Amino acid sequence: ECTTAEEARQRIRLGLWLMIREGSAAQ
């Protein structure tokens, strides 16, 4: 559910796997 690079960075730093989503509605 990350939509910004900063959100992604927070999750990566905590060891969470970042799933980058590219759907039809949420890109």
mmCIF file of all heavy atoms, coordinates in Angstrom:
data_MODEL
# 
_entry.id   MODEL 
# 
loop_
_atom_site.group_PDB 
_atom_site.id 
_atom_site.type_symbol 
_atom_site.label_atom_id 
_atom_site.label_alt_id 
_atom_site.label_comp_id 
_atom_site.label_asym_id 
_atom_site.label_entity_id 
_atom_site.label_seq_id 
_atom_site.pdbx_PDB_ins_code 
_atom_site.Cartn_x 
_atom_site.Cartn_y 
_atom_site.Cartn_z 
_atom_site.occupancy 
_atom_site.B_iso_or_equiv 
_atom_site.pdbx_formal_charge 
_atom_site.auth_seq_id 
_atom_site.auth_comp_id 
_atom_site.auth_asym_id 
_atom_site.auth_atom_id 
_atom_site.pdbx_PDB_model_num 
ATOM 1   N N   . GLU A 1 1  ? 0.799  -1.226  0.000   1.00 0.00 ? 1  GLU A N   1 
ATOM 2   C CA  . GLU A 1 1  ? 0.000  0.000   0.000   1.00 0.00 ? 1  GLU A CA  1 
ATOM 3   C C   . GLU A 1 1  ? 0.834  1.280   0.000   1.00 0.00 ? 1  GLU A C   1 
ATOM 4   O O   . GLU A 1 1  ? 0.293  2.360   0.201   1.00 0.00 ? 1  GLU A O   1 
ATOM 5   C CB  . GLU A 1 1  ? -0.932 -0.001  1.217   1.00 0.00 ? 1  GLU A CB  1 
ATOM 6   C CG  . GLU A 1 1  ? -2.087 -0.982  1.114   1.00 0.00 ? 1  GLU A CG  1 
ATOM 7   C CD  . GLU A 1 1  ? -3.107 -0.606  0.043   1.00 0.00 ? 1  GLU A CD  1 
ATOM 8   O OE1 . GLU A 1 1  ? -3.214 0.602   -0.267  1.00 0.00 ? 1  GLU A OE1 1 
ATOM 9   O OE2 . GLU A 1 1  ? -3.780 -1.487  -0.482  1.00 0.00 ? 1  GLU A OE2 1 
ATOM 10  N N   . CYS A 1 2  ? 2.134  1.184   -0.237  1.00 0.00 ? 2  CYS A N   1 
ATOM 11  C CA  . CYS A 1 2  ? 2.969  2.393   -0.269  1.00 0.00 ? 2  CYS A CA  1 
ATOM 12  C C   . CYS A 1 2  ? 2.661  3.212   -1.514  1.00 0.00 ? 2  CYS A C   1 
ATOM 13  O O   . CYS A 1 2  ? 2.587  2.687   -2.622  1.00 0.00 ? 2  CYS A O   1 
ATOM 14  C CB  . CYS A 1 2  ? 4.448  2.020   -0.271  1.00 0.00 ? 2  CYS A CB  1 
ATOM 15  S SG  . CYS A 1 2  ? 5.009  1.282   1.258   1.00 0.00 ? 2  CYS A SG  1 
ATOM 16  N N   . THR A 1 3  ? 2.546  4.516   -1.319  1.00 0.00 ? 3  THR A N   1 
ATOM 17  C CA  . THR A 1 3  ? 2.316  5.409   -2.453  1.00 0.00 ? 3  THR A CA  1 
ATOM 18  C C   . THR A 1 3  ? 3.430  6.434   -2.622  1.00 0.00 ? 3  THR A C   1 
ATOM 19  O O   . THR A 1 3  ? 3.469  7.135   -3.632  1.00 0.00 ? 3  THR A O   1 
ATOM 20  C CB  . THR A 1 3  ? 0.976  6.162   -2.280  1.00 0.00 ? 3  THR A CB  1 
ATOM 21  O OG1 . THR A 1 3  ? 1.012  6.922   -1.067  1.00 0.00 ? 3  THR A OG1 1 
ATOM 22  C CG2 . THR A 1 3  ? -0.190 5.183   -2.244  1.00 0.00 ? 3  THR A CG2 1 
ATOM 23  N N   . THR A 1 4  ? 4.346  6.539   -1.634  1.00 0.00 ? 4  THR A N   1 
ATOM 24  C CA  . THR A 1 4  ? 5.462  7.485   -1.735  1.00 0.00 ? 4  THR A CA  1 
ATOM 25  C C   . THR A 1 4  ? 6.778  6.776   -1.438  1.00 0.00 ? 4  THR A C   1 
ATOM 26  O O   . THR A 1 4  ? 6.806  5.752   -0.747  1.00 0.00 ? 4  THR A O   1 
ATOM 27  C CB  . THR A 1 4  ? 5.301  8.647   -0.731  1.00 0.00 ? 4  THR A CB  1 
ATOM 28  O OG1 . THR A 1 4  ? 5.451  8.143   0.609   1.00 0.00 ? 4  THR A OG1 1 
ATOM 29  C CG2 . THR A 1 4  ? 3.945  9.316   -0.869  1.00 0.00 ? 4  THR A CG2 1 
ATOM 30  N N   . ALA A 1 5  ? 7.854  7.350   -1.941  1.00 0.00 ? 5  ALA A N   1 
ATOM 31  C CA  . ALA A 1 5  ? 9.174  6.775   -1.712  1.00 0.00 ? 5  ALA A CA  1 
ATOM 32  C C   . ALA A 1 5  ? 9.523  6.776   -0.227  1.00 0.00 ? 5  ALA A C   1 
ATOM 33  O O   . ALA A 1 5  ? 10.201 5.864   0.260   1.00 0.00 ? 5  ALA A O   1 
ATOM 34  C CB  . ALA A 1 5  ? 10.222 7.546   -2.508  1.00 0.00 ? 5  ALA A CB  1 
ATOM 35  N N   . GLU A 1 6  ? 9.082  7.793   0.501   1.00 0.00 ? 6  GLU A N   1 
ATOM 36  C CA  . GLU A 1 6  ? 9.389  7.857   1.926   1.00 0.00 ? 6  GLU A CA  1 
ATOM 37  C C   . GLU A 1 6  ? 8.695  6.736   2.693   1.00 0.00 ? 6  GLU A C   1 
ATOM 38  O O   . GLU A 1 6  ? 9.287  6.126   3.592   1.00 0.00 ? 6  GLU A O   1 
ATOM 39  C CB  . GLU A 1 6  ? 8.980  9.218   2.501   1.00 0.00 ? 6  GLU A CB  1 
ATOM 40  C CG  . GLU A 1 6  ? 9.462  9.461   3.924   1.00 0.00 ? 6  GLU A CG  1 
ATOM 41  C CD  . GLU A 1 6  ? 10.964 9.212   4.092   1.00 0.00 ? 6  GLU A CD  1 
ATOM 42  O OE1 . GLU A 1 6  ? 11.747 9.592   3.204   1.00 0.00 ? 6  GLU A OE1 1 
ATOM 43  O OE2 . GLU A 1 6  ? 11.344 8.612   5.129   1.00 0.00 ? 6  GLU A OE2 1 
ATOM 44  N N   . GLU A 1 7  ? 7.431  6.452   2.354   1.00 0.00 ? 7  GLU A N   1 
ATOM 45  C CA  . GLU A 1 7  ? 6.756  5.307   2.972   1.00 0.00 ? 7  GLU A CA  1 
ATOM 46  C C   . GLU A 1 7  ? 7.510  4.019   2.673   1.00 0.00 ? 7  GLU A C   1 
ATOM 47  O O   . GLU A 1 7  ? 7.684  3.162   3.544   1.00 0.00 ? 7  GLU A O   1 
ATOM 48  C CB  . GLU A 1 7  ? 5.326  5.189   2.428   1.00 0.00 ? 7  GLU A CB  1 
ATOM 49  C CG  . GLU A 1 7  ? 4.320  6.127   3.046   1.00 0.00 ? 7  GLU A CG  1 
ATOM 50  C CD  . GLU A 1 7  ? 2.927  5.869   2.518   1.00 0.00 ? 7  GLU A CD  1 
ATOM 51  O OE1 . GLU A 1 7  ? 2.755  5.693   1.298   1.00 0.00 ? 7  GLU A OE1 1 
ATOM 52  O OE2 . GLU A 1 7  ? 1.988  5.840   3.334   1.00 0.00 ? 7  GLU A OE2 1 
ATOM 53  N N   . ALA A 1 8  ? 7.955  3.881   1.423   1.00 0.00 ? 8  ALA A N   1 
ATOM 54  C CA  . ALA A 1 8  ? 8.689  2.677   1.033   1.00 0.00 ? 8  ALA A CA  1 
ATOM 55  C C   . ALA A 1 8  ? 9.987  2.551   1.818   1.00 0.00 ? 8  ALA A C   1 
ATOM 56  O O   . ALA A 1 8  ? 10.360 1.463   2.276   1.00 0.00 ? 8  ALA A O   1 
ATOM 57  C CB  . ALA A 1 8  ? 8.978  2.712   -0.466  1.00 0.00 ? 8  ALA A CB  1 
ATOM 58  N N   . ARG A 1 9  ? 10.680 3.655   2.002   1.00 0.00 ? 9  ARG A N   1 
ATOM 59  C CA  . ARG A 1 9  ? 11.941 3.639   2.742   1.00 0.00 ? 9  ARG A CA  1 
ATOM 60  C C   . ARG A 1 9  ? 11.714 3.170   4.184   1.00 0.00 ? 9  ARG A C   1 
ATOM 61  O O   . ARG A 1 9  ? 12.486 2.369   4.725   1.00 0.00 ? 9  ARG A O   1 
ATOM 62  C CB  . ARG A 1 9  ? 12.571 5.039   2.748   1.00 0.00 ? 9  ARG A CB  1 
ATOM 63  C CG  . ARG A 1 9  ? 13.986 5.076   3.338   1.00 0.00 ? 9  ARG A CG  1 
ATOM 64  C CD  . ARG A 1 9  ? 14.461 6.509   3.505   1.00 0.00 ? 9  ARG A CD  1 
ATOM 65  N NE  . ARG A 1 9  ? 14.405 7.244   2.255   1.00 0.00 ? 9  ARG A NE  1 
ATOM 66  C CZ  . ARG A 1 9  ? 15.379 7.244   1.337   1.00 0.00 ? 9  ARG A CZ  1 
ATOM 67  N NH1 . ARG A 1 9  ? 16.487 6.542   1.562   1.00 0.00 ? 9  ARG A NH1 1 
ATOM 68  N NH2 . ARG A 1 9  ? 15.250 7.944   0.228   1.00 0.00 ? 9  ARG A NH2 1 
ATOM 69  N N   . GLN A 1 10 ? 10.654 3.663   4.812   1.00 0.00 ? 10 GLN A N   1 
ATOM 70  C CA  . GLN A 1 10 ? 10.355 3.255   6.191   1.00 0.00 ? 10 GLN A CA  1 
ATOM 71  C C   . GLN A 1 10 ? 10.172 1.748   6.294   1.00 0.00 ? 10 GLN A C   1 
ATOM 72  O O   . GLN A 1 10 ? 10.668 1.112   7.222   1.00 0.00 ? 10 GLN A O   1 
ATOM 73  C CB  . GLN A 1 10 ? 9.083  3.962   6.668   1.00 0.00 ? 10 GLN A CB  1 
ATOM 74  C CG  . GLN A 1 10 ? 9.223  5.464   6.839   1.00 0.00 ? 10 GLN A CG  1 
ATOM 75  C CD  . GLN A 1 10 ? 7.876  6.139   7.028   1.00 0.00 ? 10 GLN A CD  1 
ATOM 76  O OE1 . GLN A 1 10 ? 6.830  5.483   7.078   1.00 0.00 ? 10 GLN A OE1 1 
ATOM 77  N NE2 . GLN A 1 10 ? 7.886  7.459   7.132   1.00 0.00 ? 10 GLN A NE2 1 
ATOM 78  N N   . ARG A 1 11 ? 9.478  1.170   5.340   1.00 0.00 ? 11 ARG A N   1 
ATOM 79  C CA  . ARG A 1 11 ? 9.207  -0.264  5.377   1.00 0.00 ? 11 ARG A CA  1 
ATOM 80  C C   . ARG A 1 11 ? 10.458 -1.079  5.074   1.00 0.00 ? 11 ARG A C   1 
ATOM 81  O O   . ARG A 1 11 ? 10.719 -2.106  5.728   1.00 0.00 ? 11 ARG A O   1 
ATOM 82  C CB  . ARG A 1 11 ? 8.063  -0.589  4.409   1.00 0.00 ? 11 ARG A CB  1 
ATOM 83  C CG  . ARG A 1 11 ? 6.710  -0.211  4.999   1.00 0.00 ? 11 ARG A CG  1 
ATOM 84  C CD  . ARG A 1 11 ? 5.731  0.344   3.986   1.00 0.00 ? 11 ARG A CD  1 
ATOM 85  N NE  . ARG A 1 11 ? 4.470  0.690   4.647   1.00 0.00 ? 11 ARG A NE  1 
ATOM 86  C CZ  . ARG A 1 11 ? 4.271  1.819   5.337   1.00 0.00 ? 11 ARG A CZ  1 
ATOM 87  N NH1 . ARG A 1 11 ? 5.248  2.720   5.459   1.00 0.00 ? 11 ARG A NH1 1 
ATOM 88  N NH2 . ARG A 1 11 ? 3.099  2.065   5.893   1.00 0.00 ? 11 ARG A NH2 1 
ATOM 89  N N   . ILE A 1 12 ? 11.245 -0.633  4.126   1.00 0.00 ? 12 ILE A N   1 
ATOM 90  C CA  . ILE A 1 12 ? 12.495 -1.324  3.791   1.00 0.00 ? 12 ILE A CA  1 
ATOM 91  C C   . ILE A 1 12 ? 13.435 -1.326  4.998   1.00 0.00 ? 12 ILE A C   1 
ATOM 92  O O   . ILE A 1 12 ? 14.078 -2.336  5.313   1.00 0.00 ? 12 ILE A O   1 
ATOM 93  C CB  . ILE A 1 12 ? 13.156 -0.661  2.568   1.00 0.00 ? 12 ILE A CB  1 
ATOM 94  C CG1 . ILE A 1 12 ? 12.310 -0.938  1.310   1.00 0.00 ? 12 ILE A CG1 1 
ATOM 95  C CG2 . ILE A 1 12 ? 14.574 -1.179  2.368   1.00 0.00 ? 12 ILE A CG2 1 
ATOM 96  C CD1 . ILE A 1 12 ? 12.713 -0.086  0.123   1.00 0.00 ? 12 ILE A CD1 1 
ATOM 97  N N   . ARG A 1 13 ? 13.518 -0.197  5.687   1.00 0.00 ? 13 ARG A N   1 
ATOM 98  C CA  . ARG A 1 13 ? 14.410 -0.095  6.842   1.00 0.00 ? 13 ARG A CA  1 
ATOM 99  C C   . ARG A 1 13 ? 14.001 -1.037  7.969   1.00 0.00 ? 13 ARG A C   1 
ATOM 100 O O   . ARG A 1 13 ? 14.857 -1.458  8.763   1.00 0.00 ? 13 ARG A O   1 
ATOM 101 C CB  . ARG A 1 13 ? 14.432 1.350   7.349   1.00 0.00 ? 13 ARG A CB  1 
ATOM 102 C CG  . ARG A 1 13 ? 15.258 2.290   6.472   1.00 0.00 ? 13 ARG A CG  1 
ATOM 103 C CD  . ARG A 1 13 ? 15.183 3.713   6.992   1.00 0.00 ? 13 ARG A CD  1 
ATOM 104 N NE  . ARG A 1 13 ? 16.143 4.577   6.298   1.00 0.00 ? 13 ARG A NE  1 
ATOM 105 C CZ  . ARG A 1 13 ? 16.245 5.881   6.497   1.00 0.00 ? 13 ARG A CZ  1 
ATOM 106 N NH1 . ARG A 1 13 ? 15.424 6.483   7.355   1.00 0.00 ? 13 ARG A NH1 1 
ATOM 107 N NH2 . ARG A 1 13 ? 17.141 6.594   5.832   1.00 0.00 ? 13 ARG A NH2 1 
ATOM 108 N N   . LEU A 1 14 ? 12.728 -1.359  8.059   1.00 0.00 ? 14 LEU A N   1 
ATOM 109 C CA  . LEU A 1 14 ? 12.246 -2.249  9.124   1.00 0.00 ? 14 LEU A CA  1 
ATOM 110 C C   . LEU A 1 14 ? 12.227 -3.710  8.691   1.00 0.00 ? 14 LEU A C   1 
ATOM 111 O O   . LEU A 1 14 ? 11.743 -4.571  9.433   1.00 0.00 ? 14 LEU A O   1 
ATOM 112 C CB  . LEU A 1 14 ? 10.851 -1.821  9.578   1.00 0.00 ? 14 LEU A CB  1 
ATOM 113 C CG  . LEU A 1 14 ? 10.759 -0.444  10.264  1.00 0.00 ? 14 LEU A CG  1 
ATOM 114 C CD1 . LEU A 1 14 ? 9.331  -0.159  10.691  1.00 0.00 ? 14 LEU A CD1 1 
ATOM 115 C CD2 . LEU A 1 14 ? 11.705 -0.353  11.452  1.00 0.00 ? 14 LEU A CD2 1 
ATOM 116 N N   . GLY A 1 15 ? 12.728 -3.983  7.490   1.00 0.00 ? 15 GLY A N   1 
ATOM 117 C CA  . GLY A 1 15 ? 12.821 -5.362  7.035   1.00 0.00 ? 15 GLY A CA  1 
ATOM 118 C C   . GLY A 1 15 ? 11.572 -5.902  6.373   1.00 0.00 ? 15 GLY A C   1 
ATOM 119 O O   . GLY A 1 15 ? 11.516 -7.087  6.018   1.00 0.00 ? 15 GLY A O   1 
ATOM 120 N N   . LEU A 1 16 ? 10.554 -5.058  6.210   1.00 0.00 ? 16 LEU A N   1 
ATOM 121 C CA  . LEU A 1 16 ? 9.361  -5.487  5.494   1.00 0.00 ? 16 LEU A CA  1 
ATOM 122 C C   . LEU A 1 16 ? 9.661  -5.580  4.001   1.00 0.00 ? 16 LEU A C   1 
ATOM 123 O O   . LEU A 1 16 ? 10.433 -4.779  3.462   1.00 0.00 ? 16 LEU A O   1 
ATOM 124 C CB  . LEU A 1 16 ? 8.210  -4.503  5.724   1.00 0.00 ? 16 LEU A CB  1 
ATOM 125 C CG  . LEU A 1 16 ? 7.587  -4.484  7.122   1.00 0.00 ? 16 LEU A CG  1 
ATOM 126 C CD1 . LEU A 1 16 ? 6.695  -3.261  7.280   1.00 0.00 ? 16 LEU A CD1 1 
ATOM 127 C CD2 . LEU A 1 16 ? 6.788  -5.754  7.370   1.00 0.00 ? 16 LEU A CD2 1 
ATOM 128 N N   . TRP A 1 17 ? 9.051  -6.544  3.342   1.00 0.00 ? 17 TRP A N   1 
ATOM 129 C CA  . TRP A 1 17 ? 9.160  -6.635  1.884   1.00 0.00 ? 17 TRP A CA  1 
ATOM 130 C C   . TRP A 1 17 ? 8.247  -5.585  1.266   1.00 0.00 ? 17 TRP A C   1 
ATOM 131 O O   . TRP A 1 17 ? 7.078  -5.457  1.648   1.00 0.00 ? 17 TRP A O   1 
ATOM 132 C CB  . TRP A 1 17 ? 8.760  -8.023  1.396   1.00 0.00 ? 17 TRP A CB  1 
ATOM 133 C CG  . TRP A 1 17 ? 9.772  -9.089  1.691   1.00 0.00 ? 17 TRP A CG  1 
ATOM 134 C CD1 . TRP A 1 17 ? 10.057 -9.656  2.891   1.00 0.00 ? 17 TRP A CD1 1 
ATOM 135 C CD2 . TRP A 1 17 ? 10.632 -9.727  0.741   1.00 0.00 ? 17 TRP A CD2 1 
ATOM 136 N NE1 . TRP A 1 17 ? 11.036 -10.603 2.768   1.00 0.00 ? 17 TRP A NE1 1 
ATOM 137 C CE2 . TRP A 1 17 ? 11.409 -10.675 1.454   1.00 0.00 ? 17 TRP A CE2 1 
ATOM 138 C CE3 . TRP A 1 17 ? 10.820 -9.611  -0.641  1.00 0.00 ? 17 TRP A CE3 1 
ATOM 139 C CZ2 . TRP A 1 17 ? 12.361 -11.485 0.833   1.00 0.00 ? 17 TRP A CZ2 1 
ATOM 140 C CZ3 . TRP A 1 17 ? 11.749 -10.422 -1.258  1.00 0.00 ? 17 TRP A CZ3 1 
ATOM 141 C CH2 . TRP A 1 17 ? 12.520 -11.339 -0.536  1.00 0.00 ? 17 TRP A CH2 1 
ATOM 142 N N   . LEU A 1 18 ? 8.805  -4.838  0.326   1.00 0.00 ? 18 LEU A N   1 
ATOM 143 C CA  . LEU A 1 18 ? 8.042  -3.815  -0.380  1.00 0.00 ? 18 LEU A CA  1 
ATOM 144 C C   . LEU A 1 18 ? 7.441  -4.427  -1.637  1.00 0.00 ? 18 LEU A C   1 
ATOM 145 O O   . LEU A 1 18 ? 8.162  -4.842  -2.543  1.00 0.00 ? 18 LEU A O   1 
ATOM 146 C CB  . LEU A 1 18 ? 8.938  -2.633  -0.749  1.00 0.00 ? 18 LEU A CB  1 
ATOM 147 C CG  . LEU A 1 18 ? 8.310  -1.555  -1.644  1.00 0.00 ? 18 LEU A CG  1 
ATOM 148 C CD1 . LEU A 1 18 ? 7.189  -0.843  -0.898  1.00 0.00 ? 18 LEU A CD1 1 
ATOM 149 C CD2 . LEU A 1 18 ? 9.371  -0.566  -2.117  1.00 0.00 ? 18 LEU A CD2 1 
ATOM 150 N N   . MET A 1 19 ? 6.113  -4.506  -1.674  1.00 0.00 ? 19 MET A N   1 
ATOM 151 C CA  . MET A 1 19 ? 5.410  -4.933  -2.882  1.00 0.00 ? 19 MET A CA  1 
ATOM 152 C C   . MET A 1 19 ? 5.012  -3.683  -3.657  1.00 0.00 ? 19 MET A C   1 
ATOM 153 O O   . MET A 1 19 ? 4.166  -2.914  -3.202  1.00 0.00 ? 19 MET A O   1 
ATOM 154 C CB  . MET A 1 19 ? 4.166  -5.743  -2.528  1.00 0.00 ? 19 MET A CB  1 
ATOM 155 C CG  . MET A 1 19 ? 4.449  -7.098  -1.900  1.00 0.00 ? 19 MET A CG  1 
ATOM 156 S SD  . MET A 1 19 ? 2.885  -7.954  -1.527  1.00 0.00 ? 19 MET A SD  1 
ATOM 157 C CE  . MET A 1 19 ? 3.494  -9.595  -1.118  1.00 0.00 ? 19 MET A CE  1 
ATOM 158 N N   . ILE A 1 20 ? 5.644  -3.466  -4.806  1.00 0.00 ? 20 ILE A N   1 
ATOM 159 C CA  . ILE A 1 20 ? 5.311  -2.311  -5.632  1.00 0.00 ? 20 ILE A CA  1 
ATOM 160 C C   . ILE A 1 20 ? 4.109  -2.664  -6.492  1.00 0.00 ? 20 ILE A C   1 
ATOM 161 O O   . ILE A 1 20 ? 4.150  -3.592  -7.293  1.00 0.00 ? 20 ILE A O   1 
ATOM 162 C CB  . ILE A 1 20 ? 6.497  -1.890  -6.506  1.00 0.00 ? 20 ILE A CB  1 
ATOM 163 C CG1 . ILE A 1 20 ? 7.679  -1.482  -5.621  1.00 0.00 ? 20 ILE A CG1 1 
ATOM 164 C CG2 . ILE A 1 20 ? 6.099  -0.751  -7.435  1.00 0.00 ? 20 ILE A CG2 1 
ATOM 165 C CD1 . ILE A 1 20 ? 8.905  -1.033  -6.397  1.00 0.00 ? 20 ILE A CD1 1 
ATOM 166 N N   . ARG A 1 21 ? 3.045  -1.898  -6.311  1.00 0.00 ? 21 ARG A N   1 
ATOM 167 C CA  . ARG A 1 21 ? 1.774  -2.197  -6.979  1.00 0.00 ? 21 ARG A CA  1 
ATOM 168 C C   . ARG A 1 21 ? 1.563  -1.310  -8.200  1.00 0.00 ? 21 ARG A C   1 
ATOM 169 O O   . ARG A 1 21 ? 1.822  -0.107  -8.179  1.00 0.00 ? 21 ARG A O   1 
ATOM 170 C CB  . ARG A 1 21 ? 0.614  -1.978  -5.992  1.00 0.00 ? 21 ARG A CB  1 
ATOM 171 C CG  . ARG A 1 21 ? -0.758 -2.055  -6.629  1.00 0.00 ? 21 ARG A CG  1 
ATOM 172 C CD  . ARG A 1 21 ? -1.849 -1.859  -5.606  1.00 0.00 ? 21 ARG A CD  1 
ATOM 173 N NE  . ARG A 1 21 ? -1.716 -0.599  -4.884  1.00 0.00 ? 21 ARG A NE  1 
ATOM 174 C CZ  . ARG A 1 21 ? -2.446 -0.280  -3.822  1.00 0.00 ? 21 ARG A CZ  1 
ATOM 175 N NH1 . ARG A 1 21 ? -3.339 -1.128  -3.353  1.00 0.00 ? 21 ARG A NH1 1 
ATOM 176 N NH2 . ARG A 1 21 ? -2.274 0.884   -3.230  1.00 0.00 ? 21 ARG A NH2 1 
ATOM 177 N N   . GLU A 1 22 ? 1.064  -1.931  -9.242  1.00 0.00 ? 22 GLU A N   1 
ATOM 178 C CA  . GLU A 1 22 ? 0.632  -1.195  -10.429 1.00 0.00 ? 22 GLU A CA  1 
ATOM 179 C C   . GLU A 1 22 ? -0.639 -1.854  -10.938 1.00 0.00 ? 22 GLU A C   1 
ATOM 180 O O   . GLU A 1 22 ? -0.622 -2.781  -11.745 1.00 0.00 ? 22 GLU A O   1 
ATOM 181 C CB  . GLU A 1 22 ? 1.722  -1.205  -11.507 1.00 0.00 ? 22 GLU A CB  1 
ATOM 182 C CG  . GLU A 1 22 ? 1.429  -0.343  -12.717 1.00 0.00 ? 22 GLU A CG  1 
ATOM 183 C CD  . GLU A 1 22 ? 1.608  1.154   -12.484 1.00 0.00 ? 22 GLU A CD  1 
ATOM 184 O OE1 . GLU A 1 22 ? 1.940  1.558   -11.352 1.00 0.00 ? 22 GLU A OE1 1 
ATOM 185 O OE2 . GLU A 1 22 ? 1.416  1.932   -13.446 1.00 0.00 ? 22 GLU A OE2 1 
ATOM 186 N N   . GLY A 1 23 ? -1.772 -1.399  -10.389 1.00 0.00 ? 23 GLY A N   1 
ATOM 187 C CA  . GLY A 1 23 ? -3.059 -1.926  -10.801 1.00 0.00 ? 23 GLY A CA  1 
ATOM 188 C C   . GLY A 1 23 ? -3.713 -1.034  -11.825 1.00 0.00 ? 23 GLY A C   1 
ATOM 189 O O   . GLY A 1 23 ? -3.075 -0.166  -12.424 1.00 0.00 ? 23 GLY A O   1 
ATOM 190 N N   . SER A 1 24 ? -5.006 -1.241  -12.026 1.00 0.00 ? 24 SER A N   1 
ATOM 191 C CA  . SER A 1 24 ? -5.749 -0.374  -12.936 1.00 0.00 ? 24 SER A CA  1 
ATOM 192 C C   . SER A 1 24 ? -6.176 0.908   -12.248 1.00 0.00 ? 24 SER A C   1 
ATOM 193 O O   . SER A 1 24 ? -6.187 1.974   -12.856 1.00 0.00 ? 24 SER A O   1 
ATOM 194 C CB  . SER A 1 24 ? -6.978 -1.114  -13.475 1.00 0.00 ? 24 SER A CB  1 
ATOM 195 O OG  . SER A 1 24 ? -6.615 -2.210  -14.268 1.00 0.00 ? 24 SER A OG  1 
ATOM 196 N N   . ALA A 1 25 ? -6.533 0.825   -10.965 1.00 0.00 ? 25 ALA A N   1 
ATOM 197 C CA  . ALA A 1 25 ? -6.964 2.008   -10.225 1.00 0.00 ? 25 ALA A CA  1 
ATOM 198 C C   . ALA A 1 25 ? -5.820 2.614   -9.419  1.00 0.00 ? 25 ALA A C   1 
ATOM 199 O O   . ALA A 1 25 ? -5.608 3.828   -9.434  1.00 0.00 ? 25 ALA A O   1 
ATOM 200 C CB  . ALA A 1 25 ? -8.124 1.656   -9.304  1.00 0.00 ? 25 ALA A CB  1 
ATOM 201 N N   . ALA A 1 26 ? -5.066 1.796   -8.714  1.00 0.00 ? 26 ALA A N   1 
ATOM 202 C CA  . ALA A 1 26 ? -3.958 2.271   -7.875  1.00 0.00 ? 26 ALA A CA  1 
ATOM 203 C C   . ALA A 1 26 ? -2.638 1.978   -8.586  1.00 0.00 ? 26 ALA A C   1 
ATOM 204 O O   . ALA A 1 26 ? -2.264 0.821   -8.753  1.00 0.00 ? 26 ALA A O   1 
ATOM 205 C CB  . ALA A 1 26 ? -3.997 1.591   -6.515  1.00 0.00 ? 26 ALA A CB  1 
ATOM 206 N N   . GLN A 1 27 ? -1.955 3.027   -8.988  1.00 0.00 ? 27 GLN A N   1 
ATOM 207 C CA  . GLN A 1 27 ? -0.721 2.885   -9.769  1.00 0.00 ? 27 GLN A CA  1 
ATOM 208 C C   . GLN A 1 27 ? 0.416  3.587   -9.040  1.00 0.00 ? 27 GLN A C   1 
ATOM 209 O O   . GLN A 1 27 ? 0.465  4.809   -8.973  1.00 0.00 ? 27 GLN A O   1 
ATOM 210 C CB  . GLN A 1 27 ? -0.926 3.464   -11.174 1.00 0.00 ? 27 GLN A CB  1 
ATOM 211 C CG  . GLN A 1 27 ? -2.066 2.778   -11.925 1.00 0.00 ? 27 GLN A CG  1 
ATOM 212 C CD  . GLN A 1 27 ? -2.294 3.339   -13.313 1.00 0.00 ? 27 GLN A CD  1 
ATOM 213 O OE1 . GLN A 1 27 ? -1.533 4.171   -13.802 1.00 0.00 ? 27 GLN A OE1 1 
ATOM 214 N NE2 . GLN A 1 27 ? -3.361 2.900   -13.959 1.00 0.00 ? 27 GLN A NE2 1 
# 
